[in-house]
Amino acid sequence: MHTVMPDCDTRPNAGGALIAARTADAVASGAPLGRIGNLEVRLARNEAEIAAAQEVRYRVFYDELGARKDLFQAQDRRDADRFDPLCDHLLVLDTSLPGPEHRRIVGTYRLLRQEIATAAGGFYSEGEFELTKLVARHPGHRFLELGRSCVLKEYRSKRTIEALWQGIWAYINHYNIGVMTGCASFHGIVPAAHAEALTYLAHHCRTDSAWDVRAVAGRYCSMDLMPIEAVNAKAAIAAMPPLVKGYLRVGARIGDGCVIDHEFSTVDVFVVMPVKEIGARYVNYYGGEGQRFAA
């Protein structure tokens, strides 16, 4: 997962049956899940909107952040992979913009539910972290993987983030999601460049044993990169990407180890958010809108 505020897998696609089952769902029809001013959040309604979301991702991940592109990506100017047909695509649209709706998309999140991932051969983030083991330890919870989060530069504001969270909250209520997971990214491929922030996460923000997730063998990099007594907490938090800080605010915890993603030029950490552990003030803040739109 590669995220701005901003995710090497070769397993075969799951096929049309899963896609048909997903798109037949009422929520996937694209009714609004939240609104803040001229910003509306909902799921993509058609292939044109998914393609437009992929174009937004390309502008952020490739044009802005310098991810490595192949020939087809460079020609299409879209960030796309085999998981896109399996996912719901959460969109933020600026309804004040002219033109067709798919040209009003200013932000997006990719959502992959456990039942779809299981039938398709796994989650995206399993290429980096041992998510399957975590899921197996919690058979009573339904998992949701969040990924490919990005917002166009001119829309990176509190309002846009709140709109996305309205949509996520409506979605997890509708599908009775128990745990949200996914990767969050630090820019660049040198963990030591983020030593203070990563060390702080390793010592103060780790999951407990029940929710622990480790980076996969062969890709594990330690986050404990400097003496903890040398870490300035305020500086460490300030150095974290906004998305990481946002997840921590709502009660998320971080898994064991980080992974270097050379394709996207990022250092990825794993985020675990049991819904019941989300801070009460955030539940109250987003819950009213989320419950209303999820009904």
Foldseek 3Di string as FASTA:
>chain_A
DFAALYADDDADALDDVLLVVVCVDPQVCWDWLDDDVQKTKGWDRDPLLLQLQQLLLLCPLPVPQNFDDDPVCVVSSGDDDSCSSQWIKMFIFRNVDDDDRSVRTFWIKTKHKPVSQVSGPHDPCVVWKVVVVLCVLCVPFIEMEIHSTYGHPVPSDPNVVLNVVSNVLLVCVLVVGFKYKYKYWDAAQDLVVLQLLLLCLVPPFADPPSRAMATDPPFFDASNRDPNVPHDVVVNLVNDRSVVNVLVQQPKGWHGGWGGDNRSRTIIIMIMDGPVRGDPVVCVVSVVSSVVSND
